[in-house]
Amino acid sequence: MAGPALGRSRAIDHLRNLVILGLILFHTARLFDSDPWHMKDAGRYAAADVLIGVFNIGQMPLLFFLAGITAMHSLSARGPGRYVRERQERLALPLVAGILLVVPPQVYVERLATGLDGRSSPIDLAPGTGFPGFYPSIFECCYPAANFSWHHLWFLAYLLVYALALLPVFLIARRPGVRALLDRAGMRVAAAGPLALLAPGLPVLLAEILLRPGFPSTHALAGDWANHLHFGLLILLGGWFALSPALGAAAERHCRLLLIIAAVATVLAVAAWMTGALPVPALRRLLRGVAEWATILGLLGWAGRHLARPVPVLSGFSRLAFPFYIVHQTVIVVLGYLLLGWSGQPLVKYLAIVAVSGLVSWGLARALAATALTRLLFGIKSERPGIIPGRSQTSRSV
């Protein structure tokens, strides 16, 4: 029987994998929603706006929170020097490779979609320009005014910066006295009841209310201060949960209530966003913040209850999750371009793109994991003999 630590590790891995797989649903919906994106369908559909609103609340915040848990666990098995080297190998090199190899096809097909409304950057290519002729322009900075971009790989850049910038904080937190203090604080919060679990999310909520009006999200790294404080705090909270198992255990005990709170707050937040029924921005951010943190806690608790055992499909996906993330959006954007002429039947078209892009992304991830060079470029760990099948590898994850 797996011990508690192994069970928690598996649950984190499996939950992260589900979130990454869910990005297929999210980014495919971006083809059909009302906001600009890299590729757009001819129609705009309210159902896509609702789906985007729901996913936007918890998806990326949960990935940053889980990254904080992973980082703290990683430091228990390696020193800071090795930790930094591994983060450079797993994040910096794939970021560069992705910018040079994976993102350019997205920009290229966006430029090909001449006259299409809703593109993030409606710059058209000269007629007859092939990809080889387009490629040198990717070094002209910066998107949307030019073609150099990291698109969805902003997540890798932000993780790399946070991994290095927050390392001293994590090392201090791991000192015996500080760790004991954090563990006791976690036990007090856990013992105070389910609503007390919402309290650690207050700094994130305040960051949104105070900073977001002046610093809208850009994913450009420089000047993206509201996102930096928001995501940085989530990573620190993940580190705290890693050091205080009582917090995760409390999330498991109360996951049903937390998920109910998350669902109600999410419905209200998305409705307020879509209808403008709540004209005070701070109140909208309050609803969204409660929905986000309750979603993180509820899904963490649900995973601890139901995913702390071997799940063959998810365990097998763990090694492919990172390259899958890197390639998935390019696949969706290219498919969206190829299917521009498919009019009508938006649900069928959406489901078809979800299915095909998921399979193609999985196949590309498998191909990238097959050679030493592509494993190096895209931060994929080699399979090692002696690892127990299904055993979680959280300490070696991003």
Protein backbone atom coordinates (compact mmCIF):
# COMPACT_ATOMS: atom_id res chain seq x y z
CA MET A 1 0.00 0.00 0.00
CA ALA A 2 1.31 3.46 -0.89
CA GLY A 3 2.23 5.69 2.01
CA PRO A 4 0.63 9.12 2.53
CA ALA A 5 3.56 10.99 0.97
CA LEU A 6 3.49 8.85 -2.18
CA GLY A 7 -0.29 9.20 -2.38
CA ARG A 8 -0.08 12.99 -2.17
CA SER A 9 2.68 13.01 -4.78
CA ARG A 10 0.59 10.93 -7.17
CA ALA A 11 -2.44 13.15 -6.59
CA ILE A 12 -0.44 16.28 -7.47
CA ASP A 13 0.93 14.67 -10.64
CA HIS A 14 -2.47 13.44 -11.76
CA LEU A 15 -4.19 16.75 -11.03
CA ARG A 16 -1.54 18.67 -12.97
CA ASN A 17 -1.95 16.29 -15.90
CA LEU A 18 -5.72 16.82 -15.93
CA VAL A 19 -5.27 20.59 -15.94
CA ILE A 20 -2.85 20.39 -18.86
CA LEU A 21 -5.23 18.14 -20.80
CA GLY A 22 -7.97 20.65 -20.05
CA LEU A 23 -6.01 23.29 -21.95
CA ILE A 24 -7.18 21.59 -25.14
CA LEU A 25 -10.78 22.44 -24.20
CA PHE A 26 -9.81 25.98 -23.23
CA HIS A 27 -7.69 26.97 -26.21
CA THR A 28 -10.05 25.36 -28.71
CA ALA A 29 -12.84 27.50 -27.23
CA ARG A 30 -10.67 30.56 -27.93
CA LEU A 31 -11.38 29.98 -31.62
CA PHE A 32 -15.09 30.63 -30.97
CA ASP A 33 -15.30 33.24 -28.18
CA SER A 34 -15.83 36.98 -28.59
CA ASP A 35 -12.33 38.18 -27.61
CA PRO A 36 -9.44 38.55 -30.08
CA TRP A 37 -7.05 35.60 -30.40
CA HIS A 38 -4.44 34.23 -32.81
CA MET A 39 -7.08 32.51 -34.93
CA LYS A 40 -10.86 32.96 -34.92
CA ASP A 41 -13.79 31.07 -36.35
CA ALA A 42 -16.21 33.01 -38.51
CA GLY A 43 -18.85 32.75 -35.76
CA ARG A 44 -18.83 33.97 -32.15
CA TYR A 45 -20.71 31.96 -29.54
CA ALA A 46 -21.79 32.82 -26.00
CA ALA A 47 -21.21 29.22 -24.90
CA ALA A 48 -17.52 29.65 -25.73
CA ASP A 49 -17.42 32.84 -23.65
CA VAL A 50 -18.90 30.96 -20.70
CA LEU A 51 -16.40 28.11 -21.05
CA ILE A 52 -13.51 30.57 -21.28
CA GLY A 53 -14.76 32.43 -18.22
CA VAL A 54 -14.94 29.24 -16.16
CA PHE A 55 -11.52 27.96 -17.21
CA ASN A 56 -9.89 31.36 -16.77
CA ILE A 57 -10.74 31.45 -13.09
CA GLY A 58 -8.75 28.46 -11.90
CA GLN A 59 -6.71 26.80 -14.63
CA MET A 60 -3.42 28.72 -14.73
CA PRO A 61 -3.58 29.73 -11.03
CA LEU A 62 -3.84 26.04 -10.14
CA LEU A 63 -0.78 25.23 -12.27
CA PHE A 64 1.26 27.90 -10.45
CA PHE A 65 0.05 26.64 -7.06
CA LEU A 66 1.01 23.07 -7.95
CA ALA A 67 4.38 24.33 -9.20
CA GLY A 68 4.99 25.73 -5.71
CA ILE A 69 4.25 22.35 -4.13
CA THR A 70 6.53 20.65 -6.64
CA ALA A 71 9.35 23.13 -6.08
CA MET A 72 9.30 22.61 -2.32
CA HIS A 73 9.26 18.83 -2.71
CA SER A 74 12.09 19.09 -5.25
CA LEU A 75 14.31 20.94 -2.78
CA SER A 76 13.91 18.08 -0.31
CA ALA A 77 15.77 15.79 -2.75
CA ARG A 78 18.44 18.11 -4.16
CA GLY A 79 20.55 21.11 -3.24
CA PRO A 80 19.93 24.63 -4.56
CA GLY A 81 22.69 24.37 -7.19
CA ARG A 82 21.21 21.27 -8.77
CA TYR A 83 17.72 22.74 -8.44
CA VAL A 84 18.76 25.83 -10.45
CA ARG A 85 20.50 23.73 -13.12
CA GLU A 86 17.47 21.51 -13.53
CA ARG A 87 15.14 24.50 -13.83
CA GLN A 88 17.37 25.94 -16.53
CA GLU A 89 17.34 22.63 -18.40
CA ARG A 90 13.60 22.05 -17.93
CA LEU A 91 12.43 25.62 -18.57
CA ALA A 92 15.00 27.90 -20.22
CA LEU A 93 16.07 25.57 -23.03
CA PRO A 94 12.49 24.48 -23.90
CA LEU A 95 11.44 28.13 -23.87
CA VAL A 96 14.09 29.01 -26.45
CA ALA A 97 13.34 25.90 -28.53
CA GLY A 98 9.63 26.64 -28.38
CA ILE A 99 10.08 30.26 -29.47
CA LEU A 100 12.23 29.18 -32.42
CA LEU A 101 10.40 26.00 -33.49
CA VAL A 102 6.87 25.80 -32.07
CA VAL A 103 5.48 29.33 -31.96
CA PRO A 104 6.40 30.52 -35.52
CA PRO A 105 3.78 28.31 -37.25
CA GLN A 106 1.11 29.97 -35.09
CA VAL A 107 2.21 33.43 -36.15
CA TYR A 108 2.55 32.34 -39.78
CA VAL A 109 -0.99 30.99 -40.15
CA GLU A 110 -2.35 34.05 -38.36
CA ARG A 111 -0.66 36.19 -41.01
CA LEU A 112 -2.11 33.94 -43.72
CA ALA A 113 -5.67 34.43 -42.46
CA THR A 114 -6.03 37.69 -44.37
CA GLY A 115 -9.14 39.71 -43.64
CA LEU A 116 -10.24 37.50 -40.74
CA ASP A 117 -11.83 39.53 -37.96
CA GLY A 118 -10.77 38.98 -34.37
CA ARG A 119 -7.10 38.16 -34.83
CA SER A 120 -4.83 39.42 -32.05
CA SER A 121 -2.53 40.97 -34.64
CA PRO A 122 -4.24 41.56 -38.00
CA ILE A 123 -1.05 41.90 -40.06
CA ASP A 124 -1.24 40.15 -43.42
CA LEU A 125 1.55 38.39 -45.28
CA ALA A 126 2.40 39.37 -48.80
CA PRO A 127 0.67 37.01 -51.27
CA GLY A 128 2.71 33.91 -52.05
CA THR A 129 4.96 34.10 -48.98
CA GLY A 130 5.88 30.60 -47.87
CA PHE A 131 6.99 29.58 -44.39
CA PRO A 132 10.74 29.64 -45.30
CA GLY A 133 10.33 33.20 -46.55
CA PHE A 134 8.38 34.17 -43.45
CA TYR A 135 10.68 32.56 -40.88
CA PRO A 136 13.46 35.23 -40.74
CA SER A 137 10.85 37.77 -39.66
CA ILE A 138 10.29 35.97 -36.35
CA PHE A 139 13.39 37.77 -35.07
CA GLU A 140 11.70 41.14 -35.54
CA CYS A 141 10.39 42.25 -32.14
CA CYS A 142 7.74 42.21 -30.94
CA TYR A 143 4.29 40.69 -31.39
CA PRO A 144 1.64 41.99 -32.08
CA ALA A 145 3.42 44.73 -34.06
CA ALA A 146 5.97 42.21 -35.39
CA ASN A 147 6.48 38.44 -35.39
CA PHE A 148 8.73 37.62 -32.41
CA SER A 149 6.61 36.10 -29.64
CA TRP A 150 6.46 33.39 -27.02
CA HIS A 151 2.63 33.15 -27.17
CA HIS A 152 1.44 30.48 -24.68
CA LEU A 153 5.03 29.77 -23.61
CA TRP A 154 4.85 32.81 -21.35
CA PHE A 155 4.05 30.23 -18.66
CA LEU A 156 7.55 28.73 -18.98
CA ALA A 157 9.21 32.15 -18.78
CA TYR A 158 7.25 33.10 -15.68
CA LEU A 159 7.93 29.76 -13.99
CA LEU A 160 11.64 30.14 -14.65
CA VAL A 161 11.75 33.65 -13.19
CA TYR A 162 9.77 32.61 -10.11
CA ALA A 163 11.85 29.46 -9.61
CA LEU A 164 15.00 31.58 -9.39
CA ALA A 165 13.59 34.66 -7.65
CA LEU A 166 11.74 32.73 -4.93
CA LEU A 167 14.48 30.17 -4.27
CA PRO A 168 15.90 32.13 -1.29
CA VAL A 169 12.43 32.28 0.26
CA PHE A 170 11.95 28.53 -0.19
CA LEU A 171 15.37 27.81 1.32
CA ILE A 172 14.55 29.94 4.35
CA ALA A 173 11.18 28.19 4.69
CA ARG A 174 12.95 24.83 4.77
CA ARG A 175 15.07 25.75 7.80
CA PRO A 176 13.95 23.61 10.75
CA GLY A 177 12.68 26.46 12.91
CA VAL A 178 10.84 28.23 10.10
CA ARG A 179 9.44 24.95 8.80
CA ALA A 180 8.10 24.06 12.23
CA LEU A 181 6.50 27.50 12.52
CA LEU A 182 4.84 27.15 9.11
CA ASP A 183 3.66 23.64 9.95
CA ARG A 184 2.08 24.84 13.21
CA ALA A 185 0.39 27.72 11.40
CA GLY A 186 -0.96 25.28 8.84
CA MET A 187 -2.30 22.99 11.56
CA ARG A 188 -4.10 25.91 13.21
CA VAL A 189 -5.73 26.96 9.95
CA ALA A 190 -6.69 23.35 9.20
CA ALA A 191 -8.23 22.89 12.65
CA ALA A 192 -10.29 26.09 12.42
CA GLY A 193 -12.76 24.68 9.91
CA PRO A 194 -13.40 24.81 6.17
CA LEU A 195 -14.00 28.55 5.91
CA ALA A 196 -10.65 29.22 7.59
CA LEU A 197 -9.00 27.53 4.61
CA LEU A 198 -10.11 30.47 2.50
CA ALA A 199 -8.02 32.88 4.61
CA PRO A 200 -4.61 32.03 3.05
CA GLY A 201 -6.00 33.22 -0.29
CA LEU A 202 -6.61 36.75 1.01
CA PRO A 203 -3.20 38.12 -0.10
CA VAL A 204 -3.91 36.95 -3.65
CA LEU A 205 -7.33 38.60 -3.52
CA LEU A 206 -5.86 41.87 -2.24
CA ALA A 207 -3.19 41.79 -4.93
CA GLU A 208 -5.90 41.58 -7.58
CA ILE A 209 -8.04 44.36 -6.09
CA LEU A 210 -5.12 46.75 -5.55
CA LEU A 211 -2.86 46.09 -8.54
CA ARG A 212 -5.02 44.79 -11.37
CA PRO A 213 -6.61 48.17 -12.23
CA GLY A 214 -3.19 49.65 -12.97
CA PHE A 215 -1.53 46.55 -14.39
CA PRO A 216 -3.78 44.59 -16.77
CA SER A 217 -2.51 41.17 -17.77
CA THR A 218 0.04 41.23 -20.60
CA HIS A 219 2.13 38.02 -20.22
CA ALA A 220 5.04 40.16 -21.45
CA LEU A 221 7.07 39.61 -18.23
CA ALA A 222 8.26 43.23 -18.01
CA GLY A 223 5.77 45.41 -16.16
CA ASP A 224 3.23 42.62 -15.61
CA TRP A 225 3.18 43.38 -11.89
CA ALA A 226 -0.33 42.25 -10.98
CA ASN A 227 0.30 38.84 -12.52
CA HIS A 228 3.73 38.58 -10.90
CA LEU A 229 2.36 39.23 -7.42
CA HIS A 230 -0.66 37.00 -8.06
CA PHE A 231 1.24 34.01 -9.43
CA GLY A 232 4.21 34.50 -7.09
CA LEU A 233 1.92 34.37 -4.07
CA LEU A 234 0.30 31.19 -5.39
CA ILE A 235 3.71 29.54 -5.71
CA LEU A 236 4.54 30.56 -2.14
CA LEU A 237 1.20 29.20 -0.93
CA GLY A 238 1.94 25.94 -2.73
CA GLY A 239 5.26 25.78 -0.90
CA TRP A 240 3.48 26.30 2.42
CA PHE A 241 1.00 23.50 1.67
CA ALA A 242 3.96 21.23 0.83
CA LEU A 243 5.51 21.92 4.24
CA SER A 244 2.27 21.58 6.21
CA PRO A 245 0.44 18.35 5.29
CA ALA A 246 -2.42 19.34 7.62
CA LEU A 247 -3.55 21.93 5.06
CA GLY A 248 -3.87 19.39 2.27
CA ALA A 249 -5.58 16.94 4.61
CA ALA A 250 -8.10 19.63 5.56
CA ALA A 251 -8.76 20.37 1.88
CA GLU A 252 -9.50 16.66 1.41
CA ARG A 253 -11.92 16.59 4.36
CA HIS A 254 -13.81 19.65 3.18
CA CYS A 255 -13.47 19.30 -0.59
CA ARG A 256 -17.23 19.00 -1.20
CA LEU A 257 -18.02 22.26 0.56
CA LEU A 258 -15.05 23.97 -1.09
CA LEU A 259 -16.17 22.82 -4.53
CA ILE A 260 -19.71 24.07 -3.84
CA ILE A 261 -18.31 27.47 -2.83
CA ALA A 262 -16.14 27.42 -5.95
CA ALA A 263 -19.09 26.57 -8.20
CA VAL A 264 -21.37 29.26 -6.77
CA ALA A 265 -18.67 31.93 -6.86
CA THR A 266 -17.67 30.92 -10.39
CA VAL A 267 -21.24 31.17 -11.68
CA LEU A 268 -21.65 34.60 -10.10
CA ALA A 269 -18.24 35.81 -11.31
CA VAL A 270 -18.78 34.67 -14.91
CA ALA A 271 -22.32 36.09 -14.95
CA ALA A 272 -21.05 39.43 -13.63
CA TRP A 273 -18.29 39.47 -16.24
CA MET A 274 -20.59 38.65 -19.16
CA THR A 275 -23.57 40.83 -18.21
CA GLY A 276 -21.92 43.76 -16.46
CA ALA A 277 -24.49 43.31 -13.69
CA LEU A 278 -21.90 44.12 -11.02
CA PRO A 279 -20.52 47.53 -12.02
CA VAL A 280 -18.01 47.85 -9.16
CA PRO A 281 -14.70 46.31 -10.39
CA ALA A 282 -13.48 45.53 -6.87
CA LEU A 283 -16.59 43.41 -6.21
CA ARG A 284 -16.10 41.50 -9.46
CA ARG A 285 -12.49 40.81 -8.48
CA LEU A 286 -13.66 39.74 -5.02
CA LEU A 287 -16.01 37.16 -6.53
CA ARG A 288 -13.36 35.95 -8.93
CA GLY A 289 -10.75 35.70 -6.17
CA VAL A 290 -13.03 33.62 -3.94
CA ALA A 291 -13.88 31.39 -6.90
CA GLU A 292 -10.21 30.93 -7.78
CA TRP A 293 -8.95 30.02 -4.32
CA ALA A 294 -11.93 27.78 -3.53
CA THR A 295 -11.39 26.02 -6.87
CA ILE A 296 -7.72 25.44 -6.08
CA LEU A 297 -8.51 24.06 -2.62
CA GLY A 298 -11.49 22.02 -3.77
CA LEU A 299 -9.62 20.37 -6.64
CA LEU A 300 -6.59 19.77 -4.42
CA GLY A 301 -8.81 18.04 -1.89
CA TRP A 302 -10.69 16.10 -4.57
CA ALA A 303 -7.39 14.92 -6.06
CA GLY A 304 -6.18 13.85 -2.63
CA ARG A 305 -9.30 11.74 -2.20
CA HIS A 306 -9.58 10.21 -5.64
CA LEU A 307 -6.24 10.49 -7.45
CA ALA A 308 -3.80 9.34 -4.76
CA ARG A 309 -3.66 5.89 -6.36
CA PRO A 310 -2.16 4.70 -9.64
CA VAL A 311 -4.28 5.83 -12.60
CA PRO A 312 -2.63 4.18 -15.61
CA VAL A 313 -3.76 6.73 -18.20
CA LEU A 314 -2.65 9.71 -16.12
CA SER A 315 0.53 8.04 -14.87
CA GLY A 316 1.54 7.26 -18.43
CA PHE A 317 0.87 10.85 -19.46
CA SER A 318 3.13 12.39 -16.79
CA ARG A 319 6.28 12.20 -18.89
CA LEU A 320 4.47 13.69 -21.91
CA ALA A 321 2.62 16.48 -20.09
CA PHE A 322 5.35 19.08 -20.58
CA PRO A 323 5.91 18.60 -24.34
CA PHE A 324 2.14 18.26 -24.76
CA TYR A 325 1.75 21.71 -23.22
CA ILE A 326 4.44 23.16 -25.48
CA VAL A 327 2.90 21.96 -28.76
CA HIS A 328 -0.84 21.94 -28.07
CA GLN A 329 -1.69 25.57 -28.89
CA THR A 330 0.20 25.51 -32.18
CA VAL A 331 -1.77 22.43 -33.19
CA ILE A 332 -5.07 24.13 -32.30
CA VAL A 333 -4.24 27.36 -34.15
CA VAL A 334 -3.13 25.51 -37.29
CA LEU A 335 -6.24 23.29 -37.21
CA GLY A 336 -8.41 26.36 -36.75
CA TYR A 337 -6.85 27.88 -39.85
CA LEU A 338 -7.24 24.71 -41.91
CA LEU A 339 -10.92 24.45 -40.94
CA LEU A 340 -11.87 28.08 -41.55
CA GLY A 341 -14.10 27.02 -44.43
CA TRP A 342 -16.20 24.70 -42.24
CA SER A 343 -19.28 26.82 -41.59
CA GLY A 344 -22.14 25.98 -39.26
CA GLN A 345 -22.30 23.16 -36.70
CA PRO A 346 -20.06 25.00 -34.17
CA LEU A 347 -20.36 22.29 -31.51
CA VAL A 348 -19.37 19.56 -33.96
CA LYS A 349 -16.47 21.69 -35.19
CA TYR A 350 -15.36 22.41 -31.61
CA LEU A 351 -15.46 18.74 -30.62
CA ALA A 352 -13.64 17.72 -33.81
CA ILE A 353 -10.82 20.18 -33.14
CA VAL A 354 -10.64 19.06 -29.50
CA ALA A 355 -10.33 15.41 -30.52
CA VAL A 356 -7.88 15.91 -33.38
CA SER A 357 -5.69 18.45 -31.58
CA GLY A 358 -5.53 16.23 -28.50
CA LEU A 359 -4.43 13.22 -30.54
CA VAL A 360 -1.94 15.20 -32.65
CA SER A 361 -0.46 16.91 -29.57
CA TRP A 362 -0.11 13.54 -27.84
CA GLY A 363 1.57 12.08 -30.94
CA LEU A 364 3.97 15.01 -31.20
CA ALA A 365 4.79 14.73 -27.49
CA ARG A 366 5.55 11.03 -27.99
CA ALA A 367 7.78 11.87 -30.95
CA LEU A 368 9.65 14.55 -28.99
CA ALA A 369 10.24 12.05 -26.17
CA ALA A 370 11.70 9.49 -28.58
CA THR A 371 15.16 10.99 -29.27
CA ALA A 372 17.90 12.31 -27.03
CA LEU A 373 18.14 15.63 -28.90
CA THR A 374 14.44 16.45 -28.70
CA ARG A 375 14.31 15.35 -25.07
CA LEU A 376 17.12 17.81 -24.35
CA LEU A 377 15.51 20.65 -26.31
CA PHE A 378 12.07 20.19 -24.80
CA GLY A 379 12.95 19.37 -21.20
CA ILE A 380 11.79 15.76 -21.19
CA LYS A 381 13.24 13.37 -18.65
CA SER A 382 14.68 10.12 -19.98
CA GLU A 383 12.95 6.98 -18.82
CA ARG A 384 15.15 5.26 -16.29
CA PRO A 385 15.21 1.55 -15.53
CA GLY A 386 14.17 0.61 -12.06
CA ILE A 387 11.39 3.18 -11.68
CA ILE A 388 8.22 1.49 -10.49
CA PRO A 389 5.45 1.89 -13.09
CA GLY A 390 2.83 4.32 -11.88
CA ARG A 391 5.10 5.71 -9.18
CA SER A 392 4.80 9.48 -9.08
CA GLN A 393 7.73 11.56 -10.20
CA THR A 394 6.54 14.85 -8.72
CA SER A 395 9.94 15.76 -7.29
CA ARG A 396 11.35 15.78 -10.80
CA SER A 397 8.48 17.64 -12.44
CA VAL A 398 8.33 21.28 -13.50
